[in-house]
Amino acid sequence: MKRSLFFCSAMMALAALFTSSSGSVENVLVIDDFENEQSLARWSGPVSLSDANVSHGNRALRLDLSDRRERILETTDLPANWSGYDILAFSIFNPSETIQNGTIQISDSMADDEQAIWEGQSYRGRKVFMVKGWNHYEFKVQKMMVEEGDRALAIESIRKLSLDFGRAGGVLFLDNFRLG
């Protein structure tokens, strides 16, 4: 009994030492977790809230990709300054047996939409592959370059986040967009 009490005390002291020596608590900012109807106003695209296929919390965002003209999910209602974070993370559930793919685009205030799209002045992750089930993504914010490659993405002035599922079909469920 004394040995297990000593062992537990030693482990707790060690945990406290490691916690205090690191000097920081993980900095996480939730962009959207889709827990209420306000989320629908923040995102454009064929979206609705769903209680099915949730990775975090009680709801997820359901994206209906049945209309070929509406396969882009986009928001401008997000924090502008990402400089205090290392990653952008989110999860996508693909219920289909078919491997789906899409692209991610992040635009900053250094370029308007036309420059972002046609002149490569935005971060563009070419392929976001989605196998059946949950797919979890992390993008390194501090290392993002614009597609043209001539400058770093201005992570202190982000203005838009887009996911384009142009060739995908069916339905996808998205959840837990966050900076960490």
N, C-alpha and C. Protein backbone atom coordinates (compact mmCIF):
# COMPACT_ATOMS: atom_id res chain seq x y z
N MET A 1 0.83 -1.19 0.00
CA MET A 1 0.00 0.00 0.00
C MET A 1 0.87 1.25 0.00
N LYS A 2 1.93 1.23 0.86
CA LYS A 2 2.81 2.39 0.92
C LYS A 2 3.55 2.59 -0.40
N ARG A 3 3.93 1.47 -1.05
CA ARG A 3 4.62 1.57 -2.32
C ARG A 3 3.74 2.20 -3.40
N SER A 4 2.47 1.77 -3.48
CA SER A 4 1.60 2.32 -4.51
C SER A 4 1.27 3.79 -4.21
N LEU A 5 1.15 4.16 -2.93
CA LEU A 5 0.94 5.56 -2.57
C LEU A 5 2.16 6.38 -2.96
N PHE A 6 3.36 5.86 -2.68
CA PHE A 6 4.60 6.54 -3.06
C PHE A 6 4.69 6.68 -4.58
N PHE A 7 4.36 5.61 -5.31
CA PHE A 7 4.41 5.62 -6.77
C PHE A 7 3.45 6.67 -7.34
N CYS A 8 2.22 6.71 -6.83
CA CYS A 8 1.23 7.69 -7.29
C CYS A 8 1.70 9.11 -7.00
N SER A 9 2.26 9.34 -5.81
CA SER A 9 2.75 10.67 -5.45
C SER A 9 3.90 11.08 -6.36
N ALA A 10 4.80 10.14 -6.64
CA ALA A 10 5.94 10.43 -7.52
C ALA A 10 5.47 10.75 -8.93
N MET A 11 4.49 10.01 -9.43
CA MET A 11 3.97 10.26 -10.78
C MET A 11 3.28 11.61 -10.86
N MET A 12 2.53 11.98 -9.83
CA MET A 12 1.85 13.28 -9.81
C MET A 12 2.88 14.41 -9.77
N ALA A 13 3.94 14.25 -8.99
CA ALA A 13 4.99 15.26 -8.92
C ALA A 13 5.69 15.40 -10.27
N LEU A 14 5.95 14.27 -10.92
CA LEU A 14 6.58 14.28 -12.23
C LEU A 14 5.68 14.98 -13.25
N ALA A 15 4.38 14.68 -13.22
CA ALA A 15 3.44 15.32 -14.14
C ALA A 15 3.39 16.82 -13.91
N ALA A 16 3.40 17.24 -12.66
CA ALA A 16 3.41 18.67 -12.34
C ALA A 16 4.69 19.33 -12.84
N LEU A 17 5.81 18.64 -12.71
CA LEU A 17 7.09 19.17 -13.17
C LEU A 17 7.06 19.38 -14.68
N PHE A 18 6.58 18.38 -15.43
CA PHE A 18 6.54 18.50 -16.88
C PHE A 18 5.54 19.57 -17.32
N THR A 19 4.42 19.67 -16.63
CA THR A 19 3.42 20.67 -16.97
C THR A 19 3.96 22.07 -16.74
N SER A 20 4.58 22.29 -15.60
CA SER A 20 5.07 23.63 -15.30
C SER A 20 6.32 23.96 -16.09
N SER A 21 7.14 22.98 -16.45
CA SER A 21 8.36 23.28 -17.19
C SER A 21 8.09 23.61 -18.65
N SER A 22 6.98 23.13 -19.20
CA SER A 22 6.68 23.47 -20.59
C SER A 22 6.27 24.93 -20.71
N GLY A 23 5.69 25.48 -19.66
CA GLY A 23 5.40 26.90 -19.62
C GLY A 23 4.18 27.34 -20.42
N SER A 24 3.54 26.46 -21.17
CA SER A 24 2.39 26.91 -21.93
C SER A 24 1.33 25.81 -22.02
N VAL A 25 0.11 26.26 -22.12
CA VAL A 25 -1.01 25.37 -22.33
C VAL A 25 -1.33 25.46 -23.82
N GLU A 26 -1.73 24.35 -24.43
CA GLU A 26 -2.02 24.37 -25.86
C GLU A 26 -3.07 25.44 -26.15
N ASN A 27 -2.76 26.28 -27.12
CA ASN A 27 -3.60 27.38 -27.53
C ASN A 27 -4.52 26.90 -28.65
N VAL A 28 -5.80 26.75 -28.38
CA VAL A 28 -6.76 26.28 -29.38
C VAL A 28 -7.88 27.29 -29.51
N LEU A 29 -8.20 27.62 -30.76
CA LEU A 29 -9.32 28.51 -31.04
C LEU A 29 -10.27 27.79 -31.99
N VAL A 30 -11.49 27.54 -31.54
CA VAL A 30 -12.48 26.86 -32.37
C VAL A 30 -13.06 27.88 -33.35
N ILE A 31 -12.90 27.59 -34.64
CA ILE A 31 -13.49 28.45 -35.68
C ILE A 31 -14.98 28.15 -35.78
N ASP A 32 -15.32 26.87 -35.85
CA ASP A 32 -16.72 26.46 -35.84
C ASP A 32 -16.82 24.98 -35.50
N ASP A 33 -17.76 24.66 -34.62
CA ASP A 33 -18.00 23.28 -34.23
C ASP A 33 -19.43 22.86 -34.58
N PHE A 34 -20.17 23.76 -35.21
CA PHE A 34 -21.49 23.47 -35.79
C PHE A 34 -22.51 22.99 -34.77
N GLU A 35 -22.50 23.60 -33.61
CA GLU A 35 -23.40 23.19 -32.54
C GLU A 35 -24.76 23.89 -32.58
N ASN A 36 -24.89 24.99 -33.35
CA ASN A 36 -26.17 25.69 -33.38
C ASN A 36 -26.42 26.31 -34.76
N GLU A 37 -27.60 26.84 -34.93
CA GLU A 37 -28.05 27.39 -36.21
C GLU A 37 -27.21 28.58 -36.68
N GLN A 38 -26.52 29.26 -35.79
CA GLN A 38 -25.68 30.39 -36.18
C GLN A 38 -24.58 29.96 -37.15
N SER A 39 -24.16 28.72 -37.06
CA SER A 39 -23.14 28.20 -37.97
C SER A 39 -23.58 28.27 -39.42
N LEU A 40 -24.85 28.04 -39.68
CA LEU A 40 -25.35 28.05 -41.05
C LEU A 40 -25.22 29.42 -41.69
N ALA A 41 -25.29 30.48 -40.89
CA ALA A 41 -25.14 31.84 -41.42
C ALA A 41 -23.68 32.17 -41.73
N ARG A 42 -22.75 31.46 -41.11
CA ARG A 42 -21.32 31.74 -41.32
C ARG A 42 -20.74 31.06 -42.55
N TRP A 43 -21.40 30.05 -43.09
CA TRP A 43 -20.87 29.26 -44.19
C TRP A 43 -21.80 29.34 -45.39
N SER A 44 -21.22 29.52 -46.58
CA SER A 44 -22.03 29.47 -47.79
C SER A 44 -21.83 28.11 -48.45
N GLY A 45 -22.89 27.64 -49.08
CA GLY A 45 -22.86 26.33 -49.71
C GLY A 45 -24.12 25.58 -49.33
N PRO A 46 -24.32 24.41 -49.91
CA PRO A 46 -25.52 23.61 -49.63
C PRO A 46 -25.38 22.86 -48.30
N VAL A 47 -25.59 23.57 -47.20
CA VAL A 47 -25.30 23.03 -45.88
C VAL A 47 -26.53 22.95 -44.99
N SER A 48 -26.45 22.04 -44.02
CA SER A 48 -27.44 21.93 -42.96
C SER A 48 -26.73 21.31 -41.76
N LEU A 49 -27.34 21.39 -40.59
CA LEU A 49 -26.77 20.77 -39.40
C LEU A 49 -27.25 19.33 -39.30
N SER A 50 -26.40 18.48 -38.73
CA SER A 50 -26.73 17.06 -38.63
C SER A 50 -26.32 16.51 -37.27
N ASP A 51 -27.14 15.60 -36.75
CA ASP A 51 -26.79 14.87 -35.53
C ASP A 51 -26.02 13.60 -35.87
N ALA A 52 -25.92 13.27 -37.14
CA ALA A 52 -25.21 12.07 -37.58
C ALA A 52 -23.75 12.40 -37.89
N ASN A 53 -22.88 11.43 -37.72
CA ASN A 53 -21.47 11.54 -38.11
C ASN A 53 -20.80 12.77 -37.51
N VAL A 54 -20.83 12.84 -36.20
CA VAL A 54 -20.27 13.95 -35.44
C VAL A 54 -18.91 13.53 -34.88
N SER A 55 -17.89 14.35 -35.07
CA SER A 55 -16.58 14.01 -34.49
C SER A 55 -16.36 14.68 -33.15
N HIS A 56 -17.06 15.80 -32.89
CA HIS A 56 -16.86 16.54 -31.65
C HIS A 56 -18.15 17.27 -31.32
N GLY A 57 -18.60 17.18 -30.10
CA GLY A 57 -19.83 17.84 -29.71
C GLY A 57 -21.05 17.03 -30.10
N ASN A 58 -22.15 17.75 -30.42
CA ASN A 58 -23.42 17.08 -30.70
C ASN A 58 -23.87 17.16 -32.15
N ARG A 59 -23.24 18.06 -32.94
CA ARG A 59 -23.66 18.24 -34.33
C ARG A 59 -22.46 18.38 -35.25
N ALA A 60 -22.73 18.16 -36.52
CA ALA A 60 -21.74 18.36 -37.57
C ALA A 60 -22.42 19.15 -38.70
N LEU A 61 -21.63 19.62 -39.64
CA LEU A 61 -22.17 20.31 -40.81
C LEU A 61 -22.33 19.28 -41.93
N ARG A 62 -23.53 19.19 -42.46
CA ARG A 62 -23.82 18.27 -43.57
C ARG A 62 -23.73 19.07 -44.86
N LEU A 63 -22.89 18.61 -45.78
CA LEU A 63 -22.69 19.27 -47.07
C LEU A 63 -23.26 18.39 -48.16
N ASP A 64 -24.31 18.87 -48.84
CA ASP A 64 -24.98 18.11 -49.90
C ASP A 64 -24.33 18.46 -51.23
N LEU A 65 -23.68 17.47 -51.85
CA LEU A 65 -22.94 17.69 -53.09
C LEU A 65 -23.69 17.18 -54.32
N SER A 66 -25.02 17.05 -54.22
CA SER A 66 -25.79 16.50 -55.35
C SER A 66 -25.89 17.46 -56.52
N ASP A 67 -25.84 18.77 -56.28
CA ASP A 67 -25.90 19.77 -57.35
C ASP A 67 -24.48 20.12 -57.79
N ARG A 68 -24.13 19.81 -59.03
CA ARG A 68 -22.76 20.06 -59.52
C ARG A 68 -22.37 21.53 -59.47
N ARG A 69 -23.33 22.43 -59.47
CA ARG A 69 -23.03 23.86 -59.44
C ARG A 69 -22.72 24.37 -58.04
N GLU A 70 -23.03 23.58 -57.03
CA GLU A 70 -22.86 24.03 -55.65
C GLU A 70 -22.05 23.02 -54.85
N ARG A 71 -20.77 23.02 -55.06
CA ARG A 71 -19.90 22.09 -54.35
C ARG A 71 -18.76 22.80 -53.65
N ILE A 72 -18.98 24.06 -53.30
CA ILE A 72 -17.96 24.84 -52.59
C ILE A 72 -18.52 25.24 -51.23
N LEU A 73 -17.74 25.01 -50.21
CA LEU A 73 -18.05 25.44 -48.85
C LEU A 73 -17.11 26.59 -48.54
N GLU A 74 -17.66 27.71 -48.07
CA GLU A 74 -16.82 28.90 -47.91
C GLU A 74 -17.27 29.73 -46.72
N THR A 75 -16.30 30.36 -46.05
CA THR A 75 -16.61 31.30 -44.98
C THR A 75 -15.64 32.47 -44.99
N THR A 76 -16.19 33.64 -44.67
CA THR A 76 -15.36 34.82 -44.43
C THR A 76 -15.50 35.25 -42.97
N ASP A 77 -16.35 34.54 -42.24
CA ASP A 77 -16.59 34.84 -40.82
C ASP A 77 -15.66 33.97 -39.97
N LEU A 78 -14.39 34.37 -39.94
CA LEU A 78 -13.38 33.63 -39.20
C LEU A 78 -12.36 34.60 -38.65
N PRO A 79 -11.59 34.17 -37.65
CA PRO A 79 -10.59 35.08 -37.09
C PRO A 79 -9.57 35.46 -38.16
N ALA A 80 -9.18 36.73 -38.19
CA ALA A 80 -8.24 37.20 -39.20
C ALA A 80 -6.79 36.87 -38.85
N ASN A 81 -6.45 36.93 -37.59
CA ASN A 81 -5.05 36.75 -37.20
C ASN A 81 -4.79 35.32 -36.74
N TRP A 82 -4.05 34.56 -37.56
CA TRP A 82 -3.70 33.18 -37.25
C TRP A 82 -2.25 33.07 -36.80
N SER A 83 -1.57 34.18 -36.60
CA SER A 83 -0.13 34.14 -36.33
C SER A 83 0.22 33.47 -35.01
N GLY A 84 -0.68 33.37 -34.08
CA GLY A 84 -0.41 32.73 -32.80
C GLY A 84 -0.69 31.23 -32.79
N TYR A 85 -0.91 30.66 -33.96
CA TYR A 85 -1.28 29.25 -34.04
C TYR A 85 -0.35 28.51 -34.99
N ASP A 86 -0.22 27.22 -34.79
CA ASP A 86 0.64 26.39 -35.63
C ASP A 86 -0.13 25.63 -36.70
N ILE A 87 -1.38 25.24 -36.41
CA ILE A 87 -2.12 24.41 -37.36
C ILE A 87 -3.57 24.88 -37.53
N LEU A 88 -4.10 24.60 -38.69
CA LEU A 88 -5.54 24.64 -38.96
C LEU A 88 -5.94 23.18 -39.03
N ALA A 89 -6.94 22.79 -38.26
CA ALA A 89 -7.37 21.39 -38.24
C ALA A 89 -8.89 21.30 -38.39
N PHE A 90 -9.33 20.21 -39.00
CA PHE A 90 -10.76 19.92 -39.12
C PHE A 90 -10.92 18.45 -39.50
N SER A 91 -12.17 17.99 -39.47
CA SER A 91 -12.47 16.59 -39.78
C SER A 91 -13.58 16.53 -40.81
N ILE A 92 -13.49 15.53 -41.70
CA ILE A 92 -14.52 15.29 -42.71
C ILE A 92 -14.89 13.81 -42.67
N PHE A 93 -16.20 13.53 -42.60
CA PHE A 93 -16.69 12.16 -42.67
C PHE A 93 -17.24 11.91 -44.07
N ASN A 94 -16.72 10.88 -44.71
CA ASN A 94 -17.18 10.46 -46.04
C ASN A 94 -17.95 9.14 -45.87
N PRO A 95 -19.27 9.15 -46.04
CA PRO A 95 -20.04 7.91 -45.88
C PRO A 95 -19.97 6.98 -47.10
N SER A 96 -19.38 7.45 -48.18
CA SER A 96 -19.35 6.69 -49.43
C SER A 96 -18.19 5.71 -49.48
N GLU A 97 -18.38 4.64 -50.23
CA GLU A 97 -17.30 3.70 -50.50
C GLU A 97 -16.28 4.31 -51.46
N THR A 98 -16.70 5.34 -52.19
CA THR A 98 -15.85 5.99 -53.17
C THR A 98 -14.91 6.98 -52.49
N ILE A 99 -13.65 6.94 -52.86
CA ILE A 99 -12.69 7.94 -52.36
C ILE A 99 -13.02 9.26 -53.02
N GLN A 100 -13.26 10.27 -52.19
CA GLN A 100 -13.58 11.62 -52.67
C GLN A 100 -12.33 12.49 -52.57
N ASN A 101 -12.33 13.60 -53.30
CA ASN A 101 -11.25 14.56 -53.13
C ASN A 101 -11.77 15.97 -53.31
N GLY A 102 -11.00 16.90 -52.81
CA GLY A 102 -11.33 18.31 -52.90
C GLY A 102 -10.07 19.13 -52.76
N THR A 103 -10.24 20.43 -52.70
CA THR A 103 -9.10 21.33 -52.49
C THR A 103 -9.45 22.31 -51.38
N ILE A 104 -8.42 22.84 -50.74
CA ILE A 104 -8.59 23.87 -49.73
C ILE A 104 -7.91 25.13 -50.24
N GLN A 105 -8.55 26.28 -50.02
CA GLN A 105 -7.96 27.56 -50.40
C GLN A 105 -8.13 28.52 -49.24
N ILE A 106 -7.04 29.20 -48.88
CA ILE A 106 -7.06 30.19 -47.81
C ILE A 106 -6.56 31.50 -48.40
N SER A 107 -7.38 32.53 -48.28
CA SER A 107 -7.05 33.83 -48.85
C SER A 107 -6.73 34.83 -47.75
N ASP A 108 -5.75 35.70 -48.03
CA ASP A 108 -5.39 36.76 -47.09
C ASP A 108 -5.77 38.12 -47.66
N SER A 109 -5.56 39.18 -46.89
CA SER A 109 -5.95 40.52 -47.32
C SER A 109 -4.96 41.15 -48.30
N MET A 110 -3.88 40.46 -48.62
CA MET A 110 -2.90 40.99 -49.56
C MET A 110 -3.39 40.86 -51.01
N ALA A 111 -4.44 40.07 -51.23
CA ALA A 111 -4.95 39.86 -52.59
C ALA A 111 -6.47 39.78 -52.55
N ASP A 112 -7.10 40.31 -53.60
CA ASP A 112 -8.55 40.17 -53.72
C ASP A 112 -8.87 38.80 -54.30
N ASP A 113 -10.17 38.51 -54.48
CA ASP A 113 -10.57 37.19 -54.97
C ASP A 113 -9.99 36.88 -56.35
N GLU A 114 -9.99 37.87 -57.23
CA GLU A 114 -9.46 37.65 -58.58
C GLU A 114 -7.97 37.30 -58.54
N GLN A 115 -7.20 38.03 -57.76
CA GLN A 115 -5.77 37.74 -57.63
C GLN A 115 -5.54 36.39 -56.97
N ALA A 116 -6.36 36.08 -55.98
CA ALA A 116 -6.22 34.80 -55.28
C ALA A 116 -6.43 33.63 -56.23
N ILE A 117 -7.44 33.73 -57.08
CA ILE A 117 -7.78 32.62 -57.97
C ILE A 117 -6.89 32.59 -59.21
N TRP A 118 -6.78 33.70 -59.90
CA TRP A 118 -6.13 33.71 -61.22
C TRP A 118 -4.62 33.96 -61.18
N GLU A 119 -4.13 34.59 -60.11
CA GLU A 119 -2.71 34.90 -60.04
C GLU A 119 -1.98 34.08 -58.97
N GLY A 120 -2.67 33.13 -58.38
CA GLY A 120 -2.04 32.25 -57.40
C GLY A 120 -1.66 32.93 -56.10
N GLN A 121 -2.40 33.97 -55.73
CA GLN A 121 -2.08 34.73 -54.52
C GLN A 121 -2.92 34.30 -53.33
N SER A 122 -3.02 32.98 -53.13
CA SER A 122 -3.67 32.39 -51.97
C SER A 122 -3.02 31.04 -51.72
N TYR A 123 -3.21 30.53 -50.50
CA TYR A 123 -2.74 29.17 -50.21
C TYR A 123 -3.73 28.21 -50.83
N ARG A 124 -3.24 27.25 -51.58
CA ARG A 124 -4.13 26.27 -52.18
C ARG A 124 -3.54 24.88 -51.99
N GLY A 125 -4.21 24.10 -51.16
CA GLY A 125 -3.83 22.70 -50.97
C GLY A 125 -4.52 21.90 -52.05
N ARG A 126 -3.78 21.37 -52.97
CA ARG A 126 -4.33 20.74 -54.16
C ARG A 126 -5.33 19.63 -53.89
N LYS A 127 -4.97 18.65 -53.14
CA LYS A 127 -5.87 17.52 -52.96
C LYS A 127 -6.11 17.22 -51.49
N VAL A 128 -7.35 17.16 -51.14
CA VAL A 128 -7.79 16.71 -49.82
C VAL A 128 -8.53 15.40 -50.10
N PHE A 129 -7.87 14.27 -49.84
CA PHE A 129 -8.46 12.97 -50.12
C PHE A 129 -9.30 12.52 -48.93
N MET A 130 -10.46 11.89 -49.23
CA MET A 130 -11.36 11.42 -48.20
C MET A 130 -11.74 9.98 -48.46
N VAL A 131 -11.21 9.07 -47.65
CA VAL A 131 -11.61 7.68 -47.72
C VAL A 131 -12.91 7.51 -46.95
N LYS A 132 -13.50 6.34 -46.99
CA LYS A 132 -14.73 6.10 -46.24
C LYS A 132 -14.46 6.25 -44.75
N GLY A 133 -15.35 6.95 -44.06
CA GLY A 133 -15.21 7.16 -42.62
C GLY A 133 -14.61 8.52 -42.32
N TRP A 134 -14.04 8.63 -41.11
CA TRP A 134 -13.48 9.90 -40.67
C TRP A 134 -12.11 10.15 -41.28
N ASN A 135 -11.90 11.39 -41.69
CA ASN A 135 -10.63 11.88 -42.22
C ASN A 135 -10.29 13.14 -41.43
N HIS A 136 -9.12 13.15 -40.82
CA HIS A 136 -8.71 14.29 -39.97
C HIS A 136 -7.54 15.00 -40.65
N TYR A 137 -7.63 16.33 -40.73
CA TYR A 137 -6.63 17.11 -41.45
C TYR A 137 -5.98 18.14 -40.54
N GLU A 138 -4.69 18.35 -40.77
CA GLU A 138 -3.94 19.41 -40.10
C GLU A 138 -3.06 20.07 -41.14
N PHE A 139 -3.16 21.39 -41.24
CA PHE A 139 -2.35 22.17 -42.16
C PHE A 139 -1.46 23.09 -41.34
N LYS A 140 -0.18 23.10 -41.64
CA LYS A 140 0.80 23.90 -40.90
C LYS A 140 0.68 25.37 -41.31
N VAL A 141 0.09 26.16 -40.45
CA VAL A 141 -0.20 27.56 -40.72
C VAL A 141 1.08 28.38 -40.91
N GLN A 142 2.06 28.17 -40.06
CA GLN A 142 3.27 29.00 -40.08
C GLN A 142 4.09 28.82 -41.35
N LYS A 143 3.88 27.74 -42.09
CA LYS A 143 4.68 27.46 -43.29
C LYS A 143 3.91 27.67 -44.59
N MET A 144 2.70 28.21 -44.51
CA MET A 144 1.88 28.36 -45.71
C MET A 144 2.46 29.43 -46.65
N MET A 145 2.55 29.04 -47.91
CA MET A 145 2.97 29.95 -48.97
C MET A 145 1.80 30.08 -49.94
N VAL A 146 1.74 31.22 -50.64
CA VAL A 146 0.72 31.35 -51.67
C VAL A 146 1.09 30.42 -52.82
N GLU A 147 0.11 30.08 -53.61
CA GLU A 147 0.29 29.10 -54.69
C GLU A 147 1.40 29.53 -55.66
N GLU A 148 1.50 30.79 -55.98
CA GLU A 148 2.52 31.30 -56.89
C GLU A 148 3.92 31.08 -56.33
N GLY A 149 4.02 31.02 -54.98
CA GLY A 149 5.30 30.74 -54.33
C GLY A 149 6.18 31.94 -54.11
N ASP A 150 5.68 33.14 -54.40
CA ASP A 150 6.51 34.34 -54.28
C ASP A 150 6.43 35.03 -52.92
N ARG A 151 5.56 34.51 -52.03
CA ARG A 151 5.47 35.10 -50.69
C ARG A 151 4.76 34.14 -49.75
N ALA A 152 4.98 34.38 -48.47
CA ALA A 152 4.26 33.62 -47.44
C ALA A 152 2.83 34.14 -47.38
N LEU A 153 1.90 33.27 -47.02
CA LEU A 153 0.53 33.70 -46.78
C LEU A 153 0.56 34.64 -45.58
N ALA A 154 -0.13 35.76 -45.67
CA ALA A 154 -0.17 36.73 -44.58
C ALA A 154 -1.12 36.22 -43.49
N ILE A 155 -0.58 35.39 -42.60
CA ILE A 155 -1.43 34.71 -41.61
C ILE A 155 -1.95 35.65 -40.54
N GLU A 156 -1.49 36.88 -40.53
CA GLU A 156 -2.04 37.86 -39.59
C GLU A 156 -3.25 38.59 -40.19
N SER A 157 -3.60 38.26 -41.45
CA SER A 157 -4.75 38.92 -42.08
C SER A 157 -5.50 37.97 -43.02
N ILE A 158 -5.97 36.86 -42.47
CA ILE A 158 -6.75 35.88 -43.23
C ILE A 158 -8.16 36.43 -43.42
N ARG A 159 -8.70 36.25 -44.63
CA ARG A 159 -10.05 36.78 -44.90
C ARG A 159 -11.05 35.75 -45.42
N LYS A 160 -10.56 34.59 -45.90
CA LYS A 160 -11.50 33.61 -46.45
C LYS A 160 -10.91 32.20 -46.39
N LEU A 161 -11.79 31.24 -46.11
CA LEU A 161 -11.46 29.82 -46.14
C LEU A 161 -12.47 29.12 -47.04
N SER A 162 -11.97 28.38 -48.04
CA SER A 162 -12.85 27.68 -48.98
C SER A 162 -12.43 26.23 -49.13
N LEU A 163 -13.41 25.37 -49.25
CA LEU A 163 -13.19 23.97 -49.60
C LEU A 163 -14.00 23.70 -50.85
N ASP A 164 -13.35 23.21 -51.89
CA ASP A 164 -14.01 22.95 -53.17
C ASP A 164 -14.04 21.45 -53.41
N PHE A 165 -15.24 20.92 -53.55
CA PHE A 165 -15.43 19.49 -53.79
C PHE A 165 -16.02 19.29 -55.18
N GLY A 166 -15.45 19.96 -56.18
CA GLY A 166 -15.97 20.02 -57.55
C GLY A 166 -16.30 18.70 -58.20
N ARG A 167 -15.55 17.66 -57.94
CA ARG A 167 -15.81 16.37 -58.60
C ARG A 167 -16.49 15.37 -57.67
N ALA A 168 -16.63 15.74 -56.43
CA ALA A 168 -17.26 14.84 -55.47
C ALA A 168 -18.77 14.83 -55.68
N GLY A 169 -19.40 13.82 -55.17
CA GLY A 169 -20.85 13.75 -55.21
C GLY A 169 -21.33 13.23 -53.86
N GLY A 170 -22.62 13.12 -53.69
CA GLY A 170 -23.16 12.58 -52.45
C GLY A 170 -23.20 13.59 -51.33
N VAL A 171 -22.78 13.16 -50.14
CA VAL A 171 -22.87 13.97 -48.94
C VAL A 171 -21.56 13.83 -48.17
N LEU A 172 -21.12 14.91 -47.53
CA LEU A 172 -19.98 14.88 -46.62
C LEU A 172 -20.42 15.53 -45.31
N PHE A 173 -19.77 15.16 -44.22
CA PHE A 173 -20.03 15.76 -42.91
C PHE A 173 -18.72 16.37 -42.41
N LEU A 174 -18.76 17.64 -42.04
CA LEU A 174 -17.56 18.35 -41.59
C LEU A 174 -17.75 18.77 -40.16
N ASP A 175 -16.65 18.80 -39.40
CA ASP A 175 -16.77 19.14 -37.99
C ASP A 175 -15.44 19.68 -37.44
N ASN A 176 -15.58 20.46 -36.39
CA ASN A 176 -14.48 20.86 -35.52
C ASN A 176 -13.36 21.59 -36.26
N PHE A 177 -13.69 22.69 -36.93
CA PHE A 177 -12.69 23.57 -37.54
C PHE A 177 -12.03 24.36 -36.42
N ARG A 178 -10.71 24.29 -36.32
CA ARG A 178 -10.02 24.96 -35.22
C ARG A 178 -8.58 25.31 -35.59
N LEU A 179 -8.07 26.28 -34.86
CA LEU A 179 -6.66 26.64 -34.94
C LEU A 179 -6.01 26.14 -33.66
N GLY A 180 -4.82 25.62 -33.76
CA GLY A 180 -4.14 25.11 -32.58
C GLY A 180 -2.64 25.29 -32.66
